[in-house]
Amino acid sequence: MTSPDVRAPHVLIIHEVADYAAWKGVFDRAAEMRRAAGERSYQVLRCEGEPNRIVHFSRWTSTAAARAFFESPELVRIRAEAGVRAPEFVYLEEVAAGEL
């Protein structure tokens, strides 16, 4: 098994959603679109005690691909459809990783 490229870019998105189940349905339906745009892996987390505050953490082929995807007019429309409020995007480059 090969390990993922440690230098691969990541995106951290924190946002409120109107309804988690509705948001998750839209998120799941967009999986192929995300993969085609360059997303290679993801995690979805919820803030403790705030079930509609979502964290989406993902690994991408490039920061440019991630930015182009998340800033596209189609994604703006999809976020509105999914009930996303005030998303915060943080583009990251991994410099170290490990398991303890």
PDB file of N, CA and C in Angstrom:
ATOM      1  N   MET A   1       0.846  -1.183   0.000  1.00  0.00           N
ATOM      2  CA  MET A   1       0.000   0.000   0.000  1.00  0.00           C
ATOM      3  C   MET A   1       0.886   1.241   0.000  1.00  0.00           C
ATOM      4  N   THR A   2       0.596   2.161  -0.875  1.00  0.00           N
ATOM      5  CA  THR A   2       1.375   3.392  -0.933  1.00  0.00           C
ATOM      6  C   THR A   2       0.732   4.434  -0.044  1.00  0.00           C
ATOM      7  N   SER A   3       1.560   5.268   0.535  1.00  0.00           N
ATOM      8  CA  SER A   3       1.032   6.338   1.382  1.00  0.00           C
ATOM      9  C   SER A   3       0.728   7.553   0.528  1.00  0.00           C
ATOM     10  N   PRO A   4      -0.265   8.365   0.939  1.00  0.00           N
ATOM     11  CA  PRO A   4      -0.577   9.562   0.161  1.00  0.00           C
ATOM     12  C   PRO A   4       0.593  10.538   0.173  1.00  0.00           C
ATOM     13  N   ASP A   5       0.667  11.343  -0.855  1.00  0.00           N
ATOM     14  CA  ASP A   5       1.703  12.367  -0.966  1.00  0.00           C
ATOM     15  C   ASP A   5       1.584  13.315   0.220  1.00  0.00           C
ATOM     16  N   VAL A   6       2.608  13.357   1.061  1.00  0.00           N
ATOM     17  CA  VAL A   6       2.575  14.190   2.258  1.00  0.00           C
ATOM     18  C   VAL A   6       2.455  15.665   1.888  1.00  0.00           C
ATOM     19  N   ARG A   7       2.934  16.040   0.703  1.00  0.00           N
ATOM     20  CA  ARG A   7       2.898  17.444   0.311  1.00  0.00           C
ATOM     21  C   ARG A   7       1.593  17.819  -0.398  1.00  0.00           C
ATOM     22  N   ALA A   8       0.664  16.893  -0.480  1.00  0.00           N
ATOM     23  CA  ALA A   8      -0.605  17.178  -1.151  1.00  0.00           C
ATOM     24  C   ALA A   8      -1.345  18.298  -0.421  1.00  0.00           C
ATOM     25  N   PRO A   9      -1.972  19.183  -1.170  1.00  0.00           N
ATOM     26  CA  PRO A   9      -2.723  20.260  -0.540  1.00  0.00           C
ATOM     27  C   PRO A   9      -4.016  19.749   0.095  1.00  0.00           C
ATOM     28  N   HIS A  10      -4.425  20.443   1.135  1.00  0.00           N
ATOM     29  CA  HIS A  10      -5.660  20.127   1.836  1.00  0.00           C
ATOM     30  C   HIS A  10      -6.517  21.385   1.908  1.00  0.00           C
ATOM     31  N   VAL A  11      -7.808  21.171   2.093  1.00  0.00           N
ATOM     32  CA  VAL A  11      -8.735  22.277   2.292  1.00  0.00           C
ATOM     33  C   VAL A  11      -9.551  21.977   3.536  1.00  0.00           C
ATOM     34  N   LEU A  12      -9.652  22.972   4.391  1.00  0.00           N
ATOM     35  CA  LEU A  12     -10.471  22.899   5.593  1.00  0.00           C
ATOM     36  C   LEU A  12     -11.616  23.886   5.399  1.00  0.00           C
ATOM     37  N   ILE A  13     -12.843  23.379   5.485  1.00  0.00           N
ATOM     38  CA  ILE A  13     -14.021  24.231   5.335  1.00  0.00           C
ATOM     39  C   ILE A  13     -14.855  24.089   6.599  1.00  0.00           C
ATOM     40  N   ILE A  14     -15.196  25.214   7.185  1.00  0.00           N
ATOM     41  CA  ILE A  14     -16.060  25.232   8.365  1.00  0.00           C
ATOM     42  C   ILE A  14     -17.278  26.057   7.992  1.00  0.00           C
ATOM     43  N   HIS A  15     -18.459  25.483   8.197  1.00  0.00           N
ATOM     44  CA  HIS A  15     -19.671  26.231   7.869  1.00  0.00           C
ATOM     45  C   HIS A  15     -20.874  25.720   8.648  1.00  0.00           C
ATOM     46  N   GLU A  16     -21.862  26.577   8.728  1.00  0.00           N
ATOM     47  CA  GLU A  16     -23.153  26.224   9.304  1.00  0.00           C
ATOM     48  C   GLU A  16     -24.039  25.721   8.174  1.00  0.00           C
ATOM     49  N   VAL A  17     -24.901  24.762   8.474  1.00  0.00           N
ATOM     50  CA  VAL A  17     -25.888  24.300   7.511  1.00  0.00           C
ATOM     51  C   VAL A  17     -27.263  24.410   8.156  1.00  0.00           C
ATOM     52  N   ALA A  18     -28.265  24.611   7.322  1.00  0.00           N
ATOM     53  CA  ALA A  18     -29.626  24.726   7.848  1.00  0.00           C
ATOM     54  C   ALA A  18     -30.100  23.391   8.422  1.00  0.00           C
ATOM     55  N   ASP A  19     -29.731  22.293   7.764  1.00  0.00           N
ATOM     56  CA  ASP A  19     -30.156  20.958   8.185  1.00  0.00           C
ATOM     57  C   ASP A  19     -29.089  19.963   7.747  1.00  0.00           C
ATOM     58  N   TYR A  20     -28.490  19.254   8.695  1.00  0.00           N
ATOM     59  CA  TYR A  20     -27.386  18.355   8.369  1.00  0.00           C
ATOM     60  C   TYR A  20     -27.794  17.285   7.353  1.00  0.00           C
ATOM     61  N   ALA A  21     -28.915  16.627   7.553  1.00  0.00           N
ATOM     62  CA  ALA A  21     -29.328  15.540   6.662  1.00  0.00           C
ATOM     63  C   ALA A  21     -29.509  16.043   5.227  1.00  0.00           C
ATOM     64  N   ALA A  22     -30.122  17.199   5.062  1.00  0.00           N
ATOM     65  CA  ALA A  22     -30.305  17.773   3.723  1.00  0.00           C
ATOM     66  C   ALA A  22     -28.945  18.116   3.116  1.00  0.00           C
ATOM     67  N   TRP A  23     -28.063  18.733   3.908  1.00  0.00           N
ATOM     68  CA  TRP A  23     -26.725  19.076   3.416  1.00  0.00           C
ATOM     69  C   TRP A  23     -25.974  17.816   2.999  1.00  0.00           C
ATOM     70  N   LYS A  24     -26.026  16.778   3.827  1.00  0.00           N
ATOM     71  CA  LYS A  24     -25.273  15.550   3.552  1.00  0.00           C
ATOM     72  C   LYS A  24     -25.758  14.891   2.272  1.00  0.00           C
ATOM     73  N   GLY A  25     -27.063  14.954   1.996  1.00  0.00           N
ATOM     74  CA  GLY A  25     -27.576  14.404   0.743  1.00  0.00           C
ATOM     75  C   GLY A  25     -26.983  15.110  -0.465  1.00  0.00           C
ATOM     76  N   VAL A  26     -26.925  16.439  -0.425  1.00  0.00           N
ATOM     77  CA  VAL A  26     -26.330  17.211  -1.519  1.00  0.00           C
ATOM     78  C   VAL A  26     -24.840  16.895  -1.613  1.00  0.00           C
ATOM     79  N   PHE A  27     -24.159  16.838  -0.490  1.00  0.00           N
ATOM     80  CA  PHE A  27     -22.729  16.526  -0.445  1.00  0.00           C
ATOM     81  C   PHE A  27     -22.457  15.166  -1.090  1.00  0.00           C
ATOM     82  N   ASP A  28     -23.237  14.161  -0.719  1.00  0.00           N
ATOM     83  CA  ASP A  28     -23.039  12.818  -1.265  1.00  0.00           C
ATOM     84  C   ASP A  28     -23.296  12.778  -2.768  1.00  0.00           C
ATOM     85  N   ARG A  29     -24.311  13.473  -3.235  1.00  0.00           N
ATOM     86  CA  ARG A  29     -24.616  13.492  -4.671  1.00  0.00           C
ATOM     87  C   ARG A  29     -23.520  14.188  -5.478  1.00  0.00           C
ATOM     88  N   ALA A  30     -22.736  15.036  -4.845  1.00  0.00           N
ATOM     89  CA  ALA A  30     -21.655  15.761  -5.529  1.00  0.00           C
ATOM     90  C   ALA A  30     -20.320  15.015  -5.486  1.00  0.00           C
ATOM     91  N   ALA A  31     -20.303  13.777  -5.003  1.00  0.00           N
ATOM     92  CA  ALA A  31     -19.043  13.039  -4.848  1.00  0.00           C
ATOM     93  C   ALA A  31     -18.288  12.903  -6.169  1.00  0.00           C
ATOM     94  N   GLU A  32     -18.957  12.520  -7.230  1.00  0.00           N
ATOM     95  CA  GLU A  32     -18.278  12.344  -8.510  1.00  0.00           C
ATOM     96  C   GLU A  32     -17.768  13.678  -9.047  1.00  0.00           C
ATOM     97  N   MET A  33     -18.538  14.730  -8.843  1.00  0.00           N
ATOM     98  CA  MET A  33     -18.127  16.069  -9.257  1.00  0.00           C
ATOM     99  C   MET A  33     -16.862  16.486  -8.503  1.00  0.00           C
ATOM    100  N   ARG A  34     -16.820  16.211  -7.210  1.00  0.00           N
ATOM    101  CA  ARG A  34     -15.637  16.549  -6.401  1.00  0.00           C
ATOM    102  C   ARG A  34     -14.423  15.748  -6.850  1.00  0.00           C
ATOM    103  N   ARG A  35     -14.626  14.451  -7.089  1.00  0.00           N
ATOM    104  CA  ARG A  35     -13.518  13.604  -7.536  1.00  0.00           C
ATOM    105  C   ARG A  35     -12.964  14.098  -8.870  1.00  0.00           C
ATOM    106  N   ALA A  36     -13.854  14.398  -9.826  1.00  0.00           N
ATOM    107  CA  ALA A  36     -13.421  14.878 -11.138  1.00  0.00           C
ATOM    108  C   ALA A  36     -12.673  16.208 -11.040  1.00  0.00           C
ATOM    109  N   ALA A  37     -13.012  17.014 -10.035  1.00  0.00           N
ATOM    110  CA  ALA A  37     -12.358  18.316  -9.848  1.00  0.00           C
ATOM    111  C   ALA A  37     -10.994  18.191  -9.177  1.00  0.00           C
ATOM    112  N   GLY A  38     -10.717  17.034  -8.545  1.00  0.00           N
ATOM    113  CA  GLY A  38      -9.407  16.844  -7.925  1.00  0.00           C
ATOM    114  C   GLY A  38      -9.413  16.473  -6.457  1.00  0.00           C
ATOM    115  N   GLU A  39     -10.577  16.319  -5.847  1.00  0.00           N
ATOM    116  CA  GLU A  39     -10.602  15.888  -4.438  1.00  0.00           C
ATOM    117  C   GLU A  39     -10.223  14.412  -4.388  1.00  0.00           C
ATOM    118  N   ARG A  40      -9.299  14.059  -3.489  1.00  0.00           N
ATOM    119  CA  ARG A  40      -8.820  12.686  -3.399  1.00  0.00           C
ATOM    120  C   ARG A  40      -9.261  11.972  -2.132  1.00  0.00           C
ATOM    121  N   SER A  41      -9.515  12.692  -1.084  1.00  0.00           N
ATOM    122  CA  SER A  41     -10.036  12.087   0.140  1.00  0.00           C
ATOM    123  C   SER A  41     -10.711  13.184   0.948  1.00  0.00           C
ATOM    124  N   TYR A  42     -11.576  12.773   1.869  1.00  0.00           N
ATOM    125  CA  TYR A  42     -12.271  13.765   2.691  1.00  0.00           C
ATOM    126  C   TYR A  42     -12.665  13.172   4.033  1.00  0.00           C
ATOM    127  N   GLN A  43     -12.922  14.050   4.960  1.00  0.00           N
ATOM    128  CA  GLN A  43     -13.533  13.732   6.243  1.00  0.00           C
ATOM    129  C   GLN A  43     -14.611  14.777   6.476  1.00  0.00           C
ATOM    130  N   VAL A  44     -15.727  14.344   7.027  1.00  0.00           N
ATOM    131  CA  VAL A  44     -16.778  15.263   7.444  1.00  0.00           C
ATOM    132  C   VAL A  44     -16.917  15.091   8.950  1.00  0.00           C
ATOM    133  N   LEU A  45     -16.857  16.209   9.660  1.00  0.00           N
ATOM    134  CA  LEU A  45     -16.977  16.194  11.113  1.00  0.00           C
ATOM    135  C   LEU A  45     -18.023  17.216  11.532  1.00  0.00           C
ATOM    136  N   ARG A  46     -18.605  17.004  12.701  1.00  0.00           N
ATOM    137  CA  ARG A  46     -19.536  17.986  13.256  1.00  0.00           C
ATOM    138  C   ARG A  46     -18.977  18.465  14.578  1.00  0.00           C
ATOM    139  N   CYS A  47     -19.218  19.725  14.876  1.00  0.00           N
ATOM    140  CA  CYS A  47     -18.764  20.293  16.137  1.00  0.00           C
ATOM    141  C   CYS A  47     -19.608  19.724  17.275  1.00  0.00           C
ATOM    142  N   GLU A  48     -18.964  19.360  18.348  1.00  0.00           N
ATOM    143  CA  GLU A  48     -19.656  18.803  19.503  1.00  0.00           C
ATOM    144  C   GLU A  48     -20.697  19.793  20.020  1.00  0.00           C
ATOM    145  N   GLY A  49     -21.914  19.318  20.169  1.00  0.00           N
ATOM    146  CA  GLY A  49     -22.983  20.155  20.695  1.00  0.00           C
ATOM    147  C   GLY A  49     -23.594  21.096  19.667  1.00  0.00           C
ATOM    148  N   GLU A  50     -23.077  21.093  18.426  1.00  0.00           N
ATOM    149  CA  GLU A  50     -23.594  21.950  17.351  1.00  0.00           C
ATOM    150  C   GLU A  50     -23.751  21.094  16.097  1.00  0.00           C
ATOM    151  N   PRO A  51     -24.828  20.318  16.000  1.00  0.00           N
ATOM    152  CA  PRO A  51     -24.957  19.347  14.916  1.00  0.00           C
ATOM    153  C   PRO A  51     -25.040  19.940  13.516  1.00  0.00           C
ATOM    154  N   ASN A  52     -25.306  21.219  13.392  1.00  0.00           N
ATOM    155  CA  ASN A  52     -25.354  21.849  12.070  1.00  0.00           C
ATOM    156  C   ASN A  52     -24.123  22.689  11.768  1.00  0.00           C
ATOM    157  N   ARG A  53     -23.084  22.577  12.602  1.00  0.00           N
ATOM    158  CA  ARG A  53     -21.794  23.232  12.325  1.00  0.00           C
ATOM    159  C   ARG A  53     -20.862  22.139  11.820  1.00  0.00           C
ATOM    160  N   ILE A  54     -20.532  22.224  10.530  1.00  0.00           N
ATOM    161  CA  ILE A  54     -19.839  21.153   9.828  1.00  0.00           C
ATOM    162  C   ILE A  54     -18.406  21.546   9.495  1.00  0.00           C
ATOM    163  N   VAL A  55     -17.527  20.555   9.576  1.00  0.00           N
ATOM    164  CA  VAL A  55     -16.147  20.697   9.129  1.00  0.00           C
ATOM    165  C   VAL A  55     -15.944  19.679   8.009  1.00  0.00           C
ATOM    166  N   HIS A  56     -15.501  20.156   6.857  1.00  0.00           N
ATOM    167  CA  HIS A  56     -15.176  19.303   5.708  1.00  0.00           C
ATOM    168  C   HIS A  56     -13.677  19.471   5.493  1.00  0.00           C
ATOM    169  N   PHE A  57     -12.926  18.394   5.680  1.00  0.00           N
ATOM    170  CA  PHE A  57     -11.475  18.407   5.527  1.00  0.00           C
ATOM    171  C   PHE A  57     -11.141  17.476   4.370  1.00  0.00           C
ATOM    172  N   SER A  58     -10.436  17.978   3.362  1.00  0.00           N
ATOM    173  CA  SER A  58     -10.194  17.163   2.178  1.00  0.00           C
ATOM    174  C   SER A  58      -8.790  17.350   1.625  1.00  0.00           C
ATOM    175  N   ARG A  59      -8.335  16.321   0.886  1.00  0.00           N
ATOM    176  CA  ARG A  59      -7.037  16.339   0.220  1.00  0.00           C
ATOM    177  C   ARG A  59      -7.294  16.464  -1.273  1.00  0.00           C
ATOM    178  N   TRP A  60      -6.499  17.299  -1.945  1.00  0.00           N
ATOM    179  CA  TRP A  60      -6.713  17.638  -3.354  1.00  0.00           C
ATOM    180  C   TRP A  60      -5.461  17.390  -4.184  1.00  0.00           C
ATOM    181  N   THR A  61      -5.656  17.304  -5.493  1.00  0.00           N
ATOM    182  CA  THR A  61      -4.518  17.151  -6.405  1.00  0.00           C
ATOM    183  C   THR A  61      -3.688  18.420  -6.457  1.00  0.00           C
ATOM    184  N   SER A  62      -4.339  19.586  -6.298  1.00  0.00           N
ATOM    185  CA  SER A  62      -3.617  20.855  -6.272  1.00  0.00           C
ATOM    186  C   SER A  62      -4.486  21.915  -5.607  1.00  0.00           C
ATOM    187  N   THR A  63      -3.841  22.926  -5.072  1.00  0.00           N
ATOM    188  CA  THR A  63      -4.575  24.041  -4.484  1.00  0.00           C
ATOM    189  C   THR A  63      -5.358  24.767  -5.568  1.00  0.00           C
ATOM    190  N   ALA A  64      -4.779  24.906  -6.753  1.00  0.00           N
ATOM    191  CA  ALA A  64      -5.477  25.585  -7.848  1.00  0.00           C
ATOM    192  C   ALA A  64      -6.769  24.853  -8.210  1.00  0.00           C
ATOM    193  N   ALA A  65      -6.728  23.521  -8.241  1.00  0.00           N
ATOM    194  CA  ALA A  65      -7.931  22.740  -8.549  1.00  0.00           C
ATOM    195  C   ALA A  65      -8.997  22.943  -7.477  1.00  0.00           C
ATOM    196  N   ALA A  66      -8.581  22.933  -6.226  1.00  0.00           N
ATOM    197  CA  ALA A  66      -9.531  23.125  -5.121  1.00  0.00           C
ATOM    198  C   ALA A  66     -10.162  24.513  -5.183  1.00  0.00           C
ATOM    199  N   ARG A  67      -9.337  25.530  -5.380  1.00  0.00           N
ATOM    200  CA  ARG A  67      -9.868  26.902  -5.465  1.00  0.00           C
ATOM    201  C   ARG A  67     -10.842  27.048  -6.633  1.00  0.00           C
ATOM    202  N   ALA A  68     -10.458  26.513  -7.784  1.00  0.00           N
ATOM    203  CA  ALA A  68     -11.328  26.618  -8.959  1.00  0.00           C
ATOM    204  C   ALA A  68     -12.674  25.949  -8.689  1.00  0.00           C
ATOM    205  N   PHE A  69     -12.651  24.808  -8.033  1.00  0.00           N
ATOM    206  CA  PHE A  69     -13.882  24.089  -7.723  1.00  0.00           C
ATOM    207  C   PHE A  69     -14.737  24.864  -6.725  1.00  0.00           C
ATOM    208  N   PHE A  70     -14.162  25.229  -5.593  1.00  0.00           N
ATOM    209  CA  PHE A  70     -14.944  25.868  -4.532  1.00  0.00           C
ATOM    210  C   PHE A  70     -15.399  27.281  -4.885  1.00  0.00           C
ATOM    211  N   GLU A  71     -14.692  27.950  -5.776  1.00  0.00           N
ATOM    212  CA  GLU A  71     -15.066  29.311  -6.161  1.00  0.00           C
ATOM    213  C   GLU A  71     -15.918  29.366  -7.421  1.00  0.00           C
ATOM    214  N   SER A  72     -16.241  28.221  -7.995  1.00  0.00           N
ATOM    215  CA  SER A  72     -17.025  28.198  -9.235  1.00  0.00           C
ATOM    216  C   SER A  72     -18.476  28.615  -8.975  1.00  0.00           C
ATOM    217  N   PRO A  73     -19.104  29.257  -9.957  1.00  0.00           N
ATOM    218  CA  PRO A  73     -20.513  29.637  -9.812  1.00  0.00           C
ATOM    219  C   PRO A  73     -21.416  28.443  -9.516  1.00  0.00           C
ATOM    220  N   GLU A  74     -21.082  27.284 -10.091  1.00  0.00           N
ATOM    221  CA  GLU A  74     -21.899  26.092  -9.838  1.00  0.00           C
ATOM    222  C   GLU A  74     -21.852  25.698  -8.367  1.00  0.00           C
ATOM    223  N   LEU A  75     -20.666  25.781  -7.751  1.00  0.00           N
ATOM    224  CA  LEU A  75     -20.564  25.437  -6.330  1.00  0.00           C
ATOM    225  C   LEU A  75     -21.255  26.460  -5.450  1.00  0.00           C
ATOM    226  N   VAL A  76     -21.220  27.711  -5.833  1.00  0.00           N
ATOM    227  CA  VAL A  76     -21.958  28.742  -5.087  1.00  0.00           C
ATOM    228  C   VAL A  76     -23.444  28.386  -5.087  1.00  0.00           C
ATOM    229  N   ARG A  77     -23.961  27.977  -6.244  1.00  0.00           N
ATOM    230  CA  ARG A  77     -25.367  27.571  -6.358  1.00  0.00           C
ATOM    231  C   ARG A  77     -25.650  26.323  -5.521  1.00  0.00           C
ATOM    232  N   ILE A  78     -24.771  25.337  -5.593  1.00  0.00           N
ATOM    233  CA  ILE A  78     -24.959  24.090  -4.842  1.00  0.00           C
ATOM    234  C   ILE A  78     -24.927  24.353  -3.343  1.00  0.00           C
ATOM    235  N   ARG A  79     -24.009  25.220  -2.892  1.00  0.00           N
ATOM    236  CA  ARG A  79     -23.969  25.543  -1.457  1.00  0.00           C
ATOM    237  C   ARG A  79     -25.280  26.171  -1.010  1.00  0.00           C
ATOM    238  N   ALA A  80     -25.844  27.054  -1.823  1.00  0.00           N
ATOM    239  CA  ALA A  80     -27.122  27.674  -1.476  1.00  0.00           C
ATOM    240  C   ALA A  80     -28.221  26.615  -1.407  1.00  0.00           C
ATOM    241  N   GLU A  81     -28.232  25.704  -2.372  1.00  0.00           N
ATOM    242  CA  GLU A  81     -29.207  24.605  -2.389  1.00  0.00           C
ATOM    243  C   GLU A  81     -29.074  23.731  -1.147  1.00  0.00           C
ATOM    244  N   ALA A  82     -27.844  23.538  -0.684  1.00  0.00           N
ATOM    245  CA  ALA A  82     -27.578  22.673   0.465  1.00  0.00           C
ATOM    246  C   ALA A  82     -27.815  23.378   1.800  1.00  0.00           C
ATOM    247  N   GLY A  83     -28.129  24.664   1.783  1.00  0.00           N
ATOM    248  CA  GLY A  83     -28.382  25.380   3.029  1.00  0.00           C
ATOM    249  C   GLY A  83     -27.129  25.788   3.781  1.00  0.00           C
ATOM    250  N   VAL A  84     -26.014  25.951   3.058  1.00  0.00           N
ATOM    251  CA  VAL A  84     -24.749  26.349   3.682  1.00  0.00           C
ATOM    252  C   VAL A  84     -24.771  27.842   3.983  1.00  0.00           C
ATOM    253  N   ARG A  85     -24.323  28.174   5.193  1.00  0.00           N
ATOM    254  CA  ARG A  85     -24.222  29.577   5.600  1.00  0.00           C
ATOM    255  C   ARG A  85     -22.770  29.914   5.927  1.00  0.00           C
ATOM    256  N   ALA A  86     -22.289  31.004   5.375  1.00  0.00           N
ATOM    257  CA  ALA A  86     -20.984  31.594   5.706  1.00  0.00           C
ATOM    258  C   ALA A  86     -19.833  30.593   5.766  1.00  0.00           C
ATOM    259  N   PRO A  87     -19.528  29.931   4.635  1.00  0.00           N
ATOM    260  CA  PRO A  87     -18.406  28.996   4.670  1.00  0.00           C
ATOM    261  C   PRO A  87     -17.064  29.720   4.826  1.00  0.00           C
ATOM    262  N   GLU A  88     -16.197  29.117   5.596  1.00  0.00           N
ATOM    263  CA  GLU A  88     -14.829  29.614   5.754  1.00  0.00           C
ATOM    264  C   GLU A  88     -13.895  28.579   5.132  1.00  0.00           C
ATOM    265  N   PHE A  89     -13.104  28.990   4.143  1.00  0.00           N
ATOM    266  CA  PHE A  89     -12.180  28.099   3.448  1.00  0.00           C
ATOM    267  C   PHE A  89     -10.758  28.397   3.901  1.00  0.00           C
ATOM    268  N   VAL A  90     -10.019  27.342   4.243  1.00  0.00           N
ATOM    269  CA  VAL A  90      -8.610  27.467   4.599  1.00  0.00           C
ATOM    270  C   VAL A  90      -7.853  26.478   3.717  1.00  0.00           C
ATOM    271  N   TYR A  91      -6.954  26.993   2.886  1.00  0.00           N
ATOM    272  CA  TYR A  91      -6.160  26.159   1.986  1.00  0.00           C
ATOM    273  C   TYR A  91      -4.830  25.866   2.679  1.00  0.00           C
ATOM    274  N   LEU A  92      -4.486  24.574   2.777  1.00  0.00           N
ATOM    275  CA  LEU A  92      -3.352  24.140   3.590  1.00  0.00           C
ATOM    276  C   LEU A  92      -2.398  23.255   2.796  1.00  0.00           C
ATOM    277  N   GLU A  93      -1.119  23.322   3.143  1.00  0.00           N
ATOM    278  CA  GLU A  93      -0.128  22.400   2.611  1.00  0.00           C
ATOM    279  C   GLU A  93       0.411  21.593   3.773  1.00  0.00           C
ATOM    280  N   GLU A  94       0.296  20.286   3.672  1.00  0.00           N
ATOM    281  CA  GLU A  94       0.761  19.408   4.744  1.00  0.00           C
ATOM    282  C   GLU A  94       2.292  19.380   4.753  1.00  0.00           C
ATOM    283  N   VAL A  95       2.864  19.546   5.925  1.00  0.00           N
ATOM    284  CA  VAL A  95       4.324  19.520   6.042  1.00  0.00           C
ATOM    285  C   VAL A  95       4.815  18.331   6.853  1.00  0.00           C
ATOM    286  N   ALA A  96       3.935  17.680   7.589  1.00  0.00           N
ATOM    287  CA  ALA A  96       4.304  16.491   8.338  1.00  0.00           C
ATOM    288  C   ALA A  96       3.035  15.726   8.674  1.00  0.00           C
ATOM    289  N   ALA A  97       3.174  14.407   8.826  1.00  0.00           N
ATOM    290  CA  ALA A  97       2.046  13.568   9.206  1.00  0.00           C
ATOM    291  C   ALA A  97       2.582  12.338   9.911  1.00  0.00           C
ATOM    292  N   GLY A  98       1.747  11.703  10.676  1.00  0.00           N
ATOM    293  CA  GLY A  98       2.146  10.479  11.347  1.00  0.00           C
ATOM    294  C   GLY A  98       0.997   9.889  12.133  1.00  0.00           C
ATOM    295  N   GLU A  99       1.213   8.723  12.647  1.00  0.00           N
ATOM    296  CA  GLU A  99       0.255   8.071  13.513  1.00  0.00           C
ATOM    297  C   GLU A  99       0.985   7.678  14.784  1.00  0.00           C
ATOM    298  N   LEU A 100       0.334   7.870  15.916  1.00  0.00           N
ATOM    299  CA  LEU A 100       0.946   7.537  17.200  1.00  0.00           C
ATOM    300  C   LEU A 100       0.133   6.483  17.919  1.00  0.00           C
TER     301      LEU A 100
END
